[in-house]
C-alpha atoms as a PDB file:
ATOM      1  CA  GLN A   1    -157.296 -11.662 -31.400  1.00  0.00           C
ATOM      2  CA  VAL A   2    -159.701 -10.082 -34.748  1.00  0.00           C
ATOM      3  CA  GLN A   3    -159.729  -6.946 -34.728  1.00  0.00           C
ATOM      4  CA  LEU A   4    -161.528  -4.274 -37.162  1.00  0.00           C
ATOM      5  CA  VAL A   5    -160.414  -0.633 -37.368  1.00  0.00           C
ATOM      6  CA  GLU A   6    -162.481   1.994 -39.115  1.00  0.00           C
ATOM      7  CA  SER A   7    -161.181   5.285 -40.069  1.00  0.00           C
ATOM      8  CA  GLY A   8    -162.297   7.935 -41.946  1.00  0.00           C
ATOM      9  CA  GLY A   9    -165.105   9.346 -41.042  1.00  0.00           C
ATOM     10  CA  GLY A  10    -165.716  13.404 -39.913  1.00  0.00           C
ATOM     11  CA  LEU A  11    -167.571  16.405 -40.281  1.00  0.00           C
ATOM     12  CA  VAL A  12    -168.333  17.170 -44.009  1.00  0.00           C
ATOM     13  CA  GLN A  13    -170.736  19.724 -46.116  1.00  0.00           C
ATOM     14  CA  PRO A  14    -173.666  18.377 -47.577  1.00  0.00           C
ATOM     15  CA  GLY A  15    -172.587  16.998 -51.393  1.00  0.00           C
ATOM     16  CA  GLY A  16    -169.632  16.999 -49.789  1.00  0.00           C
ATOM     17  CA  SER A  17    -167.271  13.199 -49.958  1.00  0.00           C
ATOM     18  CA  LEU A  18    -165.640  10.614 -47.729  1.00  0.00           C
ATOM     19  CA  ARG A  19    -164.027   7.112 -48.230  1.00  0.00           C
ATOM     20  CA  LEU A  20    -164.147   5.060 -44.791  1.00  0.00           C
ATOM     21  CA  SER A  21    -161.382   2.162 -44.168  1.00  0.00           C
ATOM     22  CA  CYS A  22    -161.710  -0.729 -42.054  1.00  0.00           C
ATOM     23  CA  ALA A  23    -158.039  -2.549 -41.398  1.00  0.00           C
ATOM     24  CA  VAL A  24    -158.908  -6.142 -40.585  1.00  0.00           C
ATOM     25  CA  SER A  25    -156.642  -7.999 -38.655  1.00  0.00           C
ATOM     26  CA  GLY A  26    -156.580 -11.754 -37.407  1.00  0.00           C
ATOM     27  CA  LEU A  27    -158.600 -13.870 -39.641  1.00  0.00           C
ATOM     28  CA  THR A  28    -157.849 -14.408 -43.469  1.00  0.00           C
ATOM     29  CA  PHE A  29    -159.434 -11.778 -44.383  1.00  0.00           C
ATOM     30  CA  SER A  30    -159.900 -12.846 -48.166  1.00  0.00           C
ATOM     31  CA  ASN A  31    -162.368 -15.683 -47.077  1.00  0.00           C
ATOM     32  CA  TYR A  32    -164.892 -13.744 -45.749  1.00  0.00           C
ATOM     33  CA  ALA A  33    -167.866 -10.907 -47.079  1.00  0.00           C
ATOM     34  CA  MET A  34    -167.541  -8.208 -45.492  1.00  0.00           C
ATOM     35  CA  SER A  35    -170.004  -5.359 -44.753  1.00  0.00           C
ATOM     36  CA  TRP A  36    -170.356  -1.559 -43.339  1.00  0.00           C
ATOM     37  CA  HIS A  37    -173.528  -1.012 -41.220  1.00  0.00           C
ATOM     38  CA  ARG A  38    -175.164   2.425 -39.753  1.00  0.00           C
ATOM     39  CA  GLN A  39    -177.094   3.880 -36.714  1.00  0.00           C
ATOM     40  CA  ALA A  40    -177.899   7.380 -36.062  1.00  0.00           C
ATOM     41  CA  PRO A  41    -179.075   8.386 -32.669  1.00  0.00           C
ATOM     42  CA  GLY A  42    -181.862   6.462 -31.336  1.00  0.00           C
ATOM     43  CA  LYS A  43    -182.836   4.356 -34.928  1.00  0.00           C
ATOM     44  CA  GLU A  44    -181.579   0.900 -35.551  1.00  0.00           C
ATOM     45  CA  ARG A  45    -178.419   0.167 -36.957  1.00  0.00           C
ATOM     46  CA  GLU A  46    -178.779  -1.000 -40.890  1.00  0.00           C
ATOM     47  CA  LEU A  47    -176.833  -2.029 -44.242  1.00  0.00           C
ATOM     48  CA  VAL A  48    -175.678  -0.217 -45.994  1.00  0.00           C
ATOM     49  CA  ALA A  49    -173.172  -2.014 -48.864  1.00  0.00           C
ATOM     50  CA  HIS A  50    -172.056  -5.549 -48.806  1.00  0.00           C
ATOM     51  CA  ILE A  51    -169.228  -7.316 -50.628  1.00  0.00           C
ATOM     52  CA  ILE A  52    -168.497 -11.174 -51.297  1.00  0.00           C
ATOM     53  CA  ASN A  53    -165.391 -12.123 -50.109  1.00  0.00           C
ATOM     54  CA  THR A  54    -163.972 -12.268 -53.944  1.00  0.00           C
ATOM     55  CA  GLY A  55    -165.172  -8.543 -54.377  1.00  0.00           C
ATOM     56  CA  SER A  56    -166.954  -9.665 -57.516  1.00  0.00           C
ATOM     57  CA  LYS A  57    -170.399  -8.883 -56.204  1.00  0.00           C
ATOM     58  CA  THR A  58    -172.008  -6.559 -53.749  1.00  0.00           C
ATOM     59  CA  ASN A  59    -175.371  -4.793 -52.680  1.00  0.00           C
ATOM     60  CA  TYR A  60    -176.427  -1.541 -51.324  1.00  0.00           C
ATOM     61  CA  ALA A  61    -179.281  -0.356 -49.357  1.00  0.00           C
ATOM     62  CA  ASP A  62    -181.652   1.756 -51.381  1.00  0.00           C
ATOM     63  CA  SER A  63    -180.259   5.272 -49.379  1.00  0.00           C
ATOM     64  CA  VAL A  64    -177.613   4.657 -50.940  1.00  0.00           C
ATOM     65  CA  LYS A  65    -177.220   3.151 -54.379  1.00  0.00           C
ATOM     66  CA  GLY A  66    -175.660   5.365 -56.856  1.00  0.00           C
ATOM     67  CA  ARG A  67    -173.995   7.314 -54.505  1.00  0.00           C
ATOM     68  CA  PHE A  68    -172.187   5.103 -51.810  1.00  0.00           C
ATOM     69  CA  ALA A  69    -169.564   2.388 -53.540  1.00  0.00           C
ATOM     70  CA  ILE A  70    -167.568  -0.423 -51.252  1.00  0.00           C
ATOM     71  CA  SER A  71    -164.213  -2.411 -52.258  1.00  0.00           C
ATOM     72  CA  ARG A  72    -161.709  -4.245 -50.841  1.00  0.00           C
ATOM     73  CA  ASP A  73    -158.264  -5.124 -51.048  1.00  0.00           C
ATOM     74  CA  ASN A  74    -157.006  -8.506 -50.117  1.00  0.00           C
ATOM     75  CA  ALA A  75    -153.748  -7.964 -49.918  1.00  0.00           C
ATOM     76  CA  LYS A  76    -154.306  -5.111 -47.264  1.00  0.00           C
ATOM     77  CA  ASP A  77    -157.355  -6.961 -45.985  1.00  0.00           C
ATOM     78  CA  THR A  78    -159.010  -3.863 -45.587  1.00  0.00           C
ATOM     79  CA  VAL A  79    -162.696  -2.824 -47.483  1.00  0.00           C
ATOM     80  CA  TYR A  80    -163.766   0.998 -48.084  1.00  0.00           C
ATOM     81  CA  LEU A  81    -166.262   2.654 -48.359  1.00  0.00           C
ATOM     82  CA  GLN A  82    -166.236   5.807 -51.120  1.00  0.00           C
ATOM     83  CA  MET A  83    -169.187   7.825 -49.512  1.00  0.00           C
ATOM     84  CA  ASN A  84    -170.259  10.619 -52.914  1.00  0.00           C
ATOM     85  CA  ASN A  85    -172.777  13.104 -52.453  1.00  0.00           C
ATOM     86  CA  LEU A  86    -173.480  12.803 -48.555  1.00  0.00           C
ATOM     87  CA  LYS A  87    -176.788  13.939 -47.441  1.00  0.00           C
ATOM     88  CA  GLN A  88    -177.259  14.608 -43.423  1.00  0.00           C
ATOM     89  CA  GLU A  89    -179.671  12.009 -43.425  1.00  0.00           C
ATOM     90  CA  ASP A  90    -176.222  10.280 -43.866  1.00  0.00           C
ATOM     91  CA  THR A  91    -174.903  11.021 -40.784  1.00  0.00           C
ATOM     92  CA  ALA A  92    -174.463   8.107 -38.079  1.00  0.00           C
ATOM     93  CA  VAL A  93    -171.818   6.208 -36.503  1.00  0.00           C
ATOM     94  CA  TYR A  94    -170.573   3.411 -39.514  1.00  0.00           C
ATOM     95  CA  TYR A  95    -169.230   0.189 -38.622  1.00  0.00           C
ATOM     96  CA  CYS A  96    -167.713  -2.247 -41.304  1.00  0.00           C
ATOM     97  CA  TYR A  97    -168.734  -6.102 -39.876  1.00  0.00           C
ATOM     98  CA  ALA A  98    -166.623  -9.351 -40.992  1.00  0.00           C
ATOM     99  CA  HIS A  99    -168.984 -12.539 -41.863  1.00  0.00           C
ATOM    100  CA  THR A 100    -167.506 -14.980 -39.935  1.00  0.00           C
ATOM    101  CA  PRO A 101    -168.999 -18.433 -39.679  1.00  0.00           C
ATOM    102  CA  GLY A 102    -170.981 -17.316 -35.674  1.00  0.00           C
ATOM    103  CA  PRO A 103    -171.697 -14.172 -34.659  1.00  0.00           C
ATOM    104  CA  GLY A 104    -169.450 -12.747 -36.782  1.00  0.00           C
ATOM    105  CA  TYR A 105    -166.607  -9.260 -35.668  1.00  0.00           C
ATOM    106  CA  TRP A 106    -167.476  -5.942 -35.206  1.00  0.00           C
ATOM    107  CA  GLY A 107    -165.827  -3.098 -35.624  1.00  0.00           C
ATOM    108  CA  GLN A 108    -165.712  -0.019 -33.134  1.00  0.00           C
ATOM    109  CA  GLY A 109    -167.533   2.874 -35.747  1.00  0.00           C
ATOM    110  CA  THR A 110    -166.325   5.793 -36.833  1.00  0.00           C
ATOM    111  CA  GLN A 111    -168.679   8.948 -36.920  1.00  0.00           C
ATOM    112  CA  VAL A 112    -169.829  10.548 -40.066  1.00  0.00           C
ATOM    113  CA  THR A 113    -171.082  13.999 -39.497  1.00  0.00           C
ATOM    114  CA  VAL A 114    -173.225  15.929 -42.455  1.00  0.00           C
ATOM    115  CA  SER A 115    -173.752  19.436 -42.209  1.00  0.00           C
ATOM    116  CA  SER A 116    -173.092  22.832 -43.201  1.00  0.00           C
END
């Protein structure tokens, strides 16, 4: 079956960095766009970053432009989110999503907490 497993979350001070990973199995990873989303307590889930299947085009939410970078390694079936200059408002559960036909697939999420 299809599995998306996120890792790399944790507690970091403001201004710090984290790199999230999402390892995908059960589908032909290189065929599909991928994205990262986040959901903070009491808020709706929002799109953070998107990357097409080849990795040649990316898009970002305005709130993370210039600080976050999405990338993928199709040889490793993994998508990454490099997060720099983290702010308290980046605190959320981060999810990866595979844009397959139909409803797509979500990972289980990884917690990112930015606090001093």
